[in-house]
Amino acid sequence: MSTLELHGVHAGYGKAQVLHDVSLRVGDGSITTLLGANGAGKTTTLRAVSGLVRFTGQILLDGRQVPAAPDAVARLGVAHVPQGRGTIGRLSVDDNLHAGALLRRDRAQVRADLRRLRELFPVLAERARSQAAGLSGGEQQMLAIARALMGRPSLLLLDEPSLGLAPLVTKEVFVLLPRLRDEWALTVLVVEQNADLALRVADHAVVLESGRVALAGTAAEIAGHDEIRRAYLGN
């Protein structure tokens, strides 16, 4: 588990500024959901934390400045599951899982983690030798999350895990999140368009509007105010 803090973060692409003075905190061991309309800056926030986009301001993990390089960020225990799953399509399911553990040296624990993930995601055991590209959208999402967990991260970043998934599969993924958080000692920051579903499993919520923090509070507070939901979440 880790505590993530952003202080006065500005980020963008070329001359296009996307984030404007974003400050937020993701508490140790919590699930925090980042909500907002398309283009609000949610994905850019995750990319800034992962070192995938240049930023100014401070991004701290357990009080230490996060480096602006993806490999270095990963070594600090940050795993990022991007939109589009982030699996290697030509590799088998098992090879994808092993690839997630490349930075680890505790081989016995790697084997134990692999067994546990096959229990948590039985379809990955059933499709162990199948190419990742041949999996369904839901199976690919489960593989992407499991592959990230094989790195034994302390901070898990999930970007739109429900994107393109059937409602039943989406619910299955989100129901697992608190269990994964507890069992794998994770702090989780999840970007999600399905506000209702995200708020059910999250401890805290941050709403972005046009690249700025418009609202932050407990998930229960955000979910319980109809006027807030209409103004910021469109429902």
Protein backbone atom coordinates (compact mmCIF):
# COMPACT_ATOMS: atom_id res chain seq x y z
CA MET A 1 0.00 0.00 0.00
CA SER A 2 1.11 3.55 -0.69
CA THR A 3 -0.12 7.11 -0.37
CA LEU A 4 -0.24 9.13 -3.58
CA GLU A 5 -0.35 12.93 -3.53
CA LEU A 6 -0.56 15.46 -6.35
CA HIS A 7 0.19 19.10 -5.58
CA GLY A 8 -0.41 21.82 -8.16
CA VAL A 9 0.07 19.53 -11.14
CA HIS A 10 -0.13 20.94 -14.65
CA ALA A 11 0.20 18.58 -17.62
CA GLY A 12 -0.63 18.37 -21.29
CA TYR A 13 0.51 17.42 -24.76
CA GLY A 14 2.63 19.90 -26.66
CA LYS A 15 0.99 23.28 -26.33
CA ALA A 16 -2.35 21.78 -25.27
CA GLN A 17 -2.68 22.09 -21.50
CA VAL A 18 -4.99 19.44 -20.03
CA LEU A 19 -4.46 19.57 -16.25
CA HIS A 20 -4.58 22.87 -14.41
CA ASP A 21 -3.29 23.03 -10.83
CA VAL A 22 -4.59 19.57 -9.88
CA SER A 23 -4.15 18.60 -6.25
CA LEU A 24 -5.52 15.37 -4.79
CA ARG A 25 -4.67 12.63 -2.32
CA VAL A 26 -5.18 8.88 -2.58
CA GLY A 27 -4.87 7.48 0.91
CA ASP A 28 -2.88 4.39 1.81
CA GLY A 29 -4.98 1.27 1.20
CA SER A 30 -7.95 3.16 -0.22
CA ILE A 31 -9.86 2.84 -3.47
CA THR A 32 -10.30 6.29 -4.99
CA THR A 33 -12.28 6.86 -8.16
CA LEU A 34 -11.52 9.69 -10.55
CA LEU A 35 -14.70 10.83 -12.27
CA GLY A 36 -15.69 13.40 -14.85
CA ALA A 37 -16.84 13.88 -18.43
CA ASN A 38 -14.80 12.87 -21.46
CA GLY A 39 -11.88 15.25 -21.86
CA ALA A 40 -11.86 16.25 -18.19
CA GLY A 41 -8.26 15.08 -17.74
CA LYS A 42 -8.74 11.75 -16.00
CA THR A 43 -6.50 9.69 -18.26
CA THR A 44 -3.88 12.45 -18.34
CA THR A 45 -3.77 12.36 -14.53
CA LEU A 46 -2.92 8.66 -14.57
CA ARG A 47 -0.39 9.18 -17.34
CA ALA A 48 1.31 11.93 -15.34
CA VAL A 49 1.61 9.64 -12.31
CA SER A 50 3.09 6.91 -14.53
CA GLY A 51 5.65 9.21 -16.13
CA LEU A 52 4.00 9.00 -19.54
CA VAL A 53 3.34 12.72 -19.90
CA ARG A 54 5.38 15.73 -18.83
CA PHE A 55 4.09 17.68 -15.87
CA THR A 56 4.97 20.47 -13.49
CA GLY A 57 4.12 20.47 -9.81
CA GLN A 58 4.66 17.60 -7.40
CA ILE A 59 3.60 13.97 -7.59
CA LEU A 60 4.58 12.16 -4.40
CA LEU A 61 4.46 8.48 -3.51
CA ASP A 62 4.84 7.99 0.24
CA GLY A 63 6.32 11.48 0.42
CA ARG A 64 8.92 10.93 -2.33
CA GLN A 65 8.85 12.67 -5.69
CA VAL A 66 7.82 10.27 -8.45
CA PRO A 67 10.37 10.22 -11.29
CA ALA A 68 9.28 11.28 -14.77
CA ALA A 69 10.19 7.96 -16.40
CA PRO A 70 7.84 4.97 -16.75
CA ASP A 71 10.45 2.30 -15.93
CA ALA A 72 11.52 4.12 -12.78
CA VAL A 73 7.91 4.62 -11.73
CA ALA A 74 7.23 0.89 -12.16
CA ARG A 75 10.22 0.07 -9.97
CA LEU A 76 8.67 2.18 -7.22
CA GLY A 77 5.68 -0.17 -7.20
CA VAL A 78 3.24 1.60 -9.52
CA ALA A 79 1.27 -0.52 -12.00
CA HIS A 80 -0.82 1.14 -14.71
CA VAL A 81 -3.56 -0.70 -16.61
CA PRO A 82 -4.34 1.67 -19.49
CA GLN A 83 -7.38 1.95 -21.71
CA GLY A 84 -7.23 -0.86 -24.25
CA ARG A 85 -6.11 -3.36 -21.60
CA GLY A 86 -2.30 -3.19 -22.03
CA THR A 87 -1.70 -6.88 -22.78
CA ILE A 88 0.69 -8.22 -25.43
CA GLY A 89 -1.63 -9.74 -27.99
CA ARG A 90 0.80 -12.13 -29.67
CA LEU A 91 1.83 -13.72 -26.36
CA SER A 92 -0.09 -16.40 -24.53
CA VAL A 93 -2.01 -15.70 -21.34
CA ASP A 94 0.70 -17.35 -19.25
CA ASP A 95 3.49 -15.48 -21.04
CA ASN A 96 1.69 -12.19 -20.35
CA LEU A 97 1.49 -13.05 -16.68
CA HIS A 98 5.16 -13.98 -16.51
CA ALA A 99 6.03 -10.73 -18.31
CA GLY A 100 4.33 -8.84 -15.49
CA ALA A 101 6.87 -10.31 -13.04
CA LEU A 102 10.03 -9.56 -15.03
CA LEU A 103 11.38 -7.11 -12.45
CA ARG A 104 10.96 -9.58 -9.58
CA ARG A 105 13.60 -11.93 -8.17
CA ASP A 106 11.46 -13.80 -5.61
CA ARG A 107 10.72 -16.71 -7.94
CA ALA A 108 8.97 -18.90 -5.37
CA GLN A 109 6.56 -16.07 -4.51
CA VAL A 110 6.05 -15.40 -8.22
CA ARG A 111 4.88 -18.99 -8.67
CA ALA A 112 2.58 -18.65 -5.65
CA ASP A 113 1.13 -15.41 -7.01
CA LEU A 114 0.55 -17.03 -10.38
CA ARG A 115 -1.39 -19.87 -8.74
CA ARG A 116 -3.47 -17.41 -6.72
CA LEU A 117 -4.34 -15.29 -9.73
CA ARG A 118 -5.50 -18.37 -11.59
CA GLU A 119 -7.82 -19.02 -8.66
CA LEU A 120 -9.12 -15.46 -8.65
CA PHE A 121 -9.51 -15.41 -12.45
CA PRO A 122 -10.34 -19.03 -13.41
CA VAL A 123 -10.69 -18.12 -17.08
CA LEU A 124 -6.97 -17.30 -17.17
CA ALA A 125 -6.16 -20.85 -16.10
CA GLU A 126 -8.54 -22.24 -18.71
CA ARG A 127 -7.02 -20.09 -21.47
CA ALA A 128 -3.40 -20.28 -20.27
CA ARG A 129 -1.98 -21.20 -23.69
CA SER A 130 -4.30 -19.00 -25.74
CA GLN A 131 -3.00 -15.85 -27.38
CA ALA A 132 -4.11 -12.75 -25.51
CA ALA A 133 -5.41 -11.24 -28.75
CA GLY A 134 -7.96 -14.06 -29.02
CA LEU A 135 -9.57 -13.41 -25.64
CA SER A 136 -12.88 -11.63 -25.21
CA GLY A 137 -12.87 -8.05 -23.95
CA GLY A 138 -13.70 -9.15 -20.42
CA GLU A 139 -11.02 -11.83 -20.43
CA GLN A 140 -8.45 -9.33 -21.71
CA GLN A 141 -9.36 -6.91 -18.91
CA MET A 142 -8.94 -9.64 -16.30
CA LEU A 143 -5.60 -10.59 -17.86
CA ALA A 144 -4.45 -6.96 -17.84
CA ILE A 145 -5.26 -6.59 -14.14
CA ALA A 146 -3.66 -9.93 -13.27
CA ARG A 147 -0.56 -9.06 -15.30
CA ALA A 148 -0.25 -5.79 -13.36
CA LEU A 149 -0.61 -7.63 -10.06
CA MET A 150 2.20 -10.02 -11.00
CA GLY A 151 4.55 -7.08 -10.49
CA ARG A 152 3.41 -6.88 -6.84
CA PRO A 153 2.65 -3.15 -7.01
CA SER A 154 1.70 -1.04 -4.03
CA LEU A 155 -0.29 1.41 -6.21
CA LEU A 156 -2.62 0.20 -8.97
CA LEU A 157 -3.87 2.67 -11.60
CA LEU A 158 -6.88 1.49 -13.63
CA ASP A 159 -8.06 3.48 -16.63
CA GLU A 160 -11.66 2.79 -17.69
CA PRO A 161 -11.76 -0.93 -16.79
CA SER A 162 -15.39 -1.13 -17.97
CA LEU A 163 -14.65 0.22 -21.47
CA GLY A 164 -16.23 -2.06 -24.07
CA LEU A 165 -17.32 -4.68 -21.56
CA ALA A 166 -20.75 -6.22 -21.08
CA PRO A 167 -22.52 -4.94 -17.93
CA LEU A 168 -22.28 -8.32 -16.16
CA VAL A 169 -18.54 -8.56 -16.79
CA THR A 170 -18.05 -4.96 -15.68
CA LYS A 171 -19.81 -5.68 -12.41
CA GLU A 172 -17.65 -8.78 -11.90
CA VAL A 173 -14.46 -6.73 -12.35
CA PHE A 174 -15.57 -4.05 -9.90
CA VAL A 175 -16.80 -6.51 -7.28
CA LEU A 176 -13.28 -7.97 -7.25
CA LEU A 177 -11.55 -4.61 -6.62
CA PRO A 178 -12.02 -4.41 -2.81
CA ARG A 179 -10.94 -8.05 -2.50
CA LEU A 180 -7.83 -7.44 -4.58
CA ARG A 181 -7.07 -4.29 -2.60
CA ASP A 182 -7.19 -6.19 0.69
CA GLU A 183 -5.47 -9.40 -0.39
CA TRP A 184 -2.69 -7.77 -2.41
CA ALA A 185 -2.16 -4.78 -0.07
CA LEU A 186 -2.97 -2.23 -2.76
CA THR A 187 -3.85 1.41 -3.01
CA VAL A 188 -6.11 1.88 -6.04
CA LEU A 189 -6.85 4.89 -8.24
CA VAL A 190 -9.48 4.04 -10.85
CA VAL A 191 -10.77 6.20 -13.69
CA GLU A 192 -14.31 5.24 -14.64
CA GLN A 193 -17.21 6.58 -16.71
CA ASN A 194 -19.75 4.41 -14.89
CA ALA A 195 -20.03 6.62 -11.83
CA ASP A 196 -22.69 4.52 -10.11
CA LEU A 197 -20.59 1.38 -10.21
CA ALA A 198 -17.36 3.10 -9.25
CA LEU A 199 -18.92 4.90 -6.30
CA ARG A 200 -20.27 1.62 -4.92
CA VAL A 201 -16.79 0.14 -4.43
CA ALA A 202 -14.69 3.28 -3.85
CA ASP A 203 -13.84 4.86 -0.51
CA HIS A 204 -13.24 8.32 -1.96
CA ALA A 205 -14.02 10.18 -5.17
CA VAL A 206 -12.47 13.09 -7.03
CA VAL A 207 -14.39 14.82 -9.81
CA LEU A 208 -12.47 16.60 -12.56
CA GLU A 209 -13.99 19.27 -14.74
CA SER A 210 -11.99 20.80 -17.61
CA GLY A 211 -8.72 19.66 -16.09
CA ARG A 212 -9.40 21.00 -12.61
CA VAL A 213 -10.59 19.38 -9.38
CA ALA A 214 -14.23 20.37 -9.08
CA LEU A 215 -15.12 18.21 -6.11
CA ALA A 216 -13.57 15.71 -3.71
CA GLY A 217 -15.00 13.72 -0.83
CA THR A 218 -16.02 10.30 0.32
CA ALA A 219 -17.75 8.12 -2.25
CA ALA A 220 -20.85 8.13 -0.06
CA GLU A 221 -20.95 11.94 -0.02
CA ILE A 222 -20.64 12.20 -3.78
CA ALA A 223 -23.17 9.42 -4.41
CA GLY A 224 -25.68 10.86 -1.97
CA HIS A 225 -26.18 14.29 -3.57
CA ASP A 226 -28.45 14.32 -6.61
CA GLU A 227 -27.54 17.90 -7.52
CA ILE A 228 -23.83 17.08 -7.49
CA ARG A 229 -24.38 14.03 -9.67
CA ARG A 230 -26.42 16.03 -12.18
CA ALA A 231 -23.94 18.90 -12.28
CA TYR A 232 -20.74 16.89 -12.58
CA LEU A 233 -21.52 13.31 -13.49
CA GLY A 234 -24.44 13.67 -15.88
CA ASN A 235 -26.83 11.39 -14.00
